[in-house]
């Protein structure tokens, strides 16, 4: 799958669409908070399935009810259209 880096304007538009996300250099980051560990872990399991389908895996950590996520496209060398597709799908899970 050919991946295309997003322009700064496209990244700005993506962040406007998903204001919980922030840019950190060549990564997009977000913190999720859930009621408890089981809910947080269930979310991570669902995200793992999305990640496998897109062959695009986040950098993440979990402490009790919080999940910290960072995503970047190492193959493309920055923030790509695959990051956008990943965020769009994952955000549907968190609502």
C-alpha atoms as a PDB file:
ATOM      1  CA  UNK A   1       0.000   0.000   0.000  1.00  0.00           C
ATOM      2  CA  UNK A   2       1.489   3.332  -1.059  1.00  0.00           C
ATOM      3  CA  UNK A   3       1.251   5.887   1.694  1.00  0.00           C
ATOM      4  CA  UNK A   4       1.196   9.613   1.147  1.00  0.00           C
ATOM      5  CA  UNK A   5       2.455  12.108   3.707  1.00  0.00           C
ATOM      6  CA  UNK A   6      -0.130  14.673   4.749  1.00  0.00           C
ATOM      7  CA  UNK A   7       0.603  18.340   4.201  1.00  0.00           C
ATOM      8  CA  UNK A   8       0.629  20.706   7.175  1.00  0.00           C
ATOM      9  CA  UNK A   9      -2.790  21.990   6.059  1.00  0.00           C
ATOM     10  CA  UNK A  10      -4.187  18.451   5.912  1.00  0.00           C
ATOM     11  CA  UNK A  11      -2.825  17.737   9.404  1.00  0.00           C
ATOM     12  CA  UNK A  12      -4.392  20.962  10.687  1.00  0.00           C
ATOM     13  CA  UNK A  13      -7.725  19.930   9.158  1.00  0.00           C
ATOM     14  CA  UNK A  14      -7.457  16.462  10.736  1.00  0.00           C
ATOM     15  CA  UNK A  15      -6.742  17.963  14.159  1.00  0.00           C
ATOM     16  CA  UNK A  16      -9.706  20.325  13.761  1.00  0.00           C
ATOM     17  CA  UNK A  17     -11.898  17.323  13.015  1.00  0.00           C
ATOM     18  CA  UNK A  18     -10.514  15.440  16.049  1.00  0.00           C
ATOM     19  CA  UNK A  19      -9.627  18.115  18.638  1.00  0.00           C
ATOM     20  CA  UNK A  20      -8.636  15.569  21.303  1.00  0.00           C
ATOM     21  CA  UNK A  21      -5.583  14.782  19.205  1.00  0.00           C
ATOM     22  CA  UNK A  22      -2.428  16.908  19.192  1.00  0.00           C
ATOM     23  CA  UNK A  23       0.664  17.025  17.067  1.00  0.00           C
ATOM     24  CA  UNK A  24       4.053  16.200  18.561  1.00  0.00           C
ATOM     25  CA  UNK A  25       6.576  16.547  15.743  1.00  0.00           C
ATOM     26  CA  UNK A  26       5.976  13.677  13.326  1.00  0.00           C
ATOM     27  CA  UNK A  27       3.492  11.977  15.637  1.00  0.00           C
ATOM     28  CA  UNK A  28      -0.151  12.479  16.500  1.00  0.00           C
ATOM     29  CA  UNK A  29      -1.007  11.844  20.150  1.00  0.00           C
ATOM     30  CA  UNK A  30      -4.063  11.386  22.316  1.00  0.00           C
ATOM     31  CA  UNK A  31      -4.969  10.322  25.818  1.00  0.00           C
ATOM     32  CA  UNK A  32      -8.121   8.253  26.394  1.00  0.00           C
ATOM     33  CA  UNK A  33      -9.720   7.801  29.803  1.00  0.00           C
ATOM     34  CA  UNK A  34     -12.211   5.087  30.700  1.00  0.00           C
ATOM     35  CA  UNK A  35     -14.199   4.067  33.762  1.00  0.00           C
ATOM     36  CA  UNK A  36     -11.843   1.236  34.695  1.00  0.00           C
ATOM     37  CA  UNK A  37      -9.068  -1.086  33.545  1.00  0.00           C
ATOM     38  CA  UNK A  38     -11.394  -3.585  31.866  1.00  0.00           C
ATOM     39  CA  UNK A  39     -12.928  -0.873  29.679  1.00  0.00           C
ATOM     40  CA  UNK A  40      -9.494   0.520  28.783  1.00  0.00           C
ATOM     41  CA  UNK A  41      -8.162  -2.933  27.950  1.00  0.00           C
ATOM     42  CA  UNK A  42     -11.250  -3.745  25.876  1.00  0.00           C
ATOM     43  CA  UNK A  43     -10.674  -0.562  23.879  1.00  0.00           C
ATOM     44  CA  UNK A  44      -7.064  -1.591  23.292  1.00  0.00           C
ATOM     45  CA  UNK A  45      -8.206  -5.008  22.042  1.00  0.00           C
ATOM     46  CA  UNK A  46     -10.580  -3.368  19.554  1.00  0.00           C
ATOM     47  CA  UNK A  47      -7.832  -0.971  18.417  1.00  0.00           C
ATOM     48  CA  UNK A  48      -5.493  -3.926  17.920  1.00  0.00           C
ATOM     49  CA  UNK A  49      -7.927  -5.376  15.365  1.00  0.00           C
ATOM     50  CA  UNK A  50      -8.125  -2.058  13.485  1.00  0.00           C
ATOM     51  CA  UNK A  51      -4.336  -1.787  13.588  1.00  0.00           C
ATOM     52  CA  UNK A  52      -3.859  -5.254  12.128  1.00  0.00           C
ATOM     53  CA  UNK A  53      -6.384  -4.576   9.372  1.00  0.00           C
ATOM     54  CA  UNK A  54      -4.542  -1.374   8.366  1.00  0.00           C
ATOM     55  CA  UNK A  55      -1.099  -2.884   9.150  1.00  0.00           C
ATOM     56  CA  UNK A  56      -0.459   0.266  11.154  1.00  0.00           C
ATOM     57  CA  UNK A  57       0.390  -0.056  14.824  1.00  0.00           C
ATOM     58  CA  UNK A  58       0.408   2.651  17.493  1.00  0.00           C
ATOM     59  CA  UNK A  59       2.919   3.383  20.181  1.00  0.00           C
ATOM     60  CA  UNK A  60       0.827   3.157  23.326  1.00  0.00           C
ATOM     61  CA  UNK A  61       0.720   2.571  27.037  1.00  0.00           C
ATOM     62  CA  UNK A  62      -1.968   1.717  29.554  1.00  0.00           C
ATOM     63  CA  UNK A  63      -2.148   2.590  33.231  1.00  0.00           C
ATOM     64  CA  UNK A  64      -5.385   1.428  34.878  1.00  0.00           C
ATOM     65  CA  UNK A  65      -8.112   3.445  33.103  1.00  0.00           C
ATOM     66  CA  UNK A  66      -5.891   5.554  30.822  1.00  0.00           C
ATOM     67  CA  UNK A  67      -4.550   4.720  27.387  1.00  0.00           C
ATOM     68  CA  UNK A  68      -1.886   7.001  25.890  1.00  0.00           C
ATOM     69  CA  UNK A  69      -1.550   6.714  22.104  1.00  0.00           C
ATOM     70  CA  UNK A  70       0.950   8.051  19.569  1.00  0.00           C
ATOM     71  CA  UNK A  71       0.739   7.250  15.865  1.00  0.00           C
ATOM     72  CA  UNK A  72       3.125   7.959  13.014  1.00  0.00           C
ATOM     73  CA  UNK A  73       3.902   6.291   9.737  1.00  0.00           C
ATOM     74  CA  UNK A  74       7.478   5.060  10.028  1.00  0.00           C
ATOM     75  CA  UNK A  75       7.412   3.632   6.486  1.00  0.00           C
ATOM     76  CA  UNK A  76       6.335   6.968   4.996  1.00  0.00           C
ATOM     77  CA  UNK A  77       8.541   9.035   7.296  1.00  0.00           C
ATOM     78  CA  UNK A  78       5.899  11.141   9.036  1.00  0.00           C
ATOM     79  CA  UNK A  79       2.166  11.668   9.327  1.00  0.00           C
ATOM     80  CA  UNK A  80       0.401   9.990   6.426  1.00  0.00           C
ATOM     81  CA  UNK A  81      -2.995   9.220   4.971  1.00  0.00           C
ATOM     82  CA  UNK A  82      -2.799   5.890   6.817  1.00  0.00           C
ATOM     83  CA  UNK A  83      -2.569   7.774  10.125  1.00  0.00           C
ATOM     84  CA  UNK A  84      -5.717   9.654   9.132  1.00  0.00           C
ATOM     85  CA  UNK A  85      -7.528   6.404   8.261  1.00  0.00           C
ATOM     86  CA  UNK A  86      -6.391   4.844  11.548  1.00  0.00           C
ATOM     87  CA  UNK A  87      -7.578   7.806  13.630  1.00  0.00           C
ATOM     88  CA  UNK A  88     -10.934   7.954  11.836  1.00  0.00           C
ATOM     89  CA  UNK A  89     -11.576   4.283  12.600  1.00  0.00           C
ATOM     90  CA  UNK A  90     -10.315   4.361  16.185  1.00  0.00           C
ATOM     91  CA  UNK A  91     -12.339   7.453  17.054  1.00  0.00           C
ATOM     92  CA  UNK A  92     -15.515   5.576  16.091  1.00  0.00           C
ATOM     93  CA  UNK A  93     -14.603   2.963  18.733  1.00  0.00           C
ATOM     94  CA  UNK A  94     -14.163   5.492  21.522  1.00  0.00           C
ATOM     95  CA  UNK A  95     -17.580   7.132  21.233  1.00  0.00           C
END
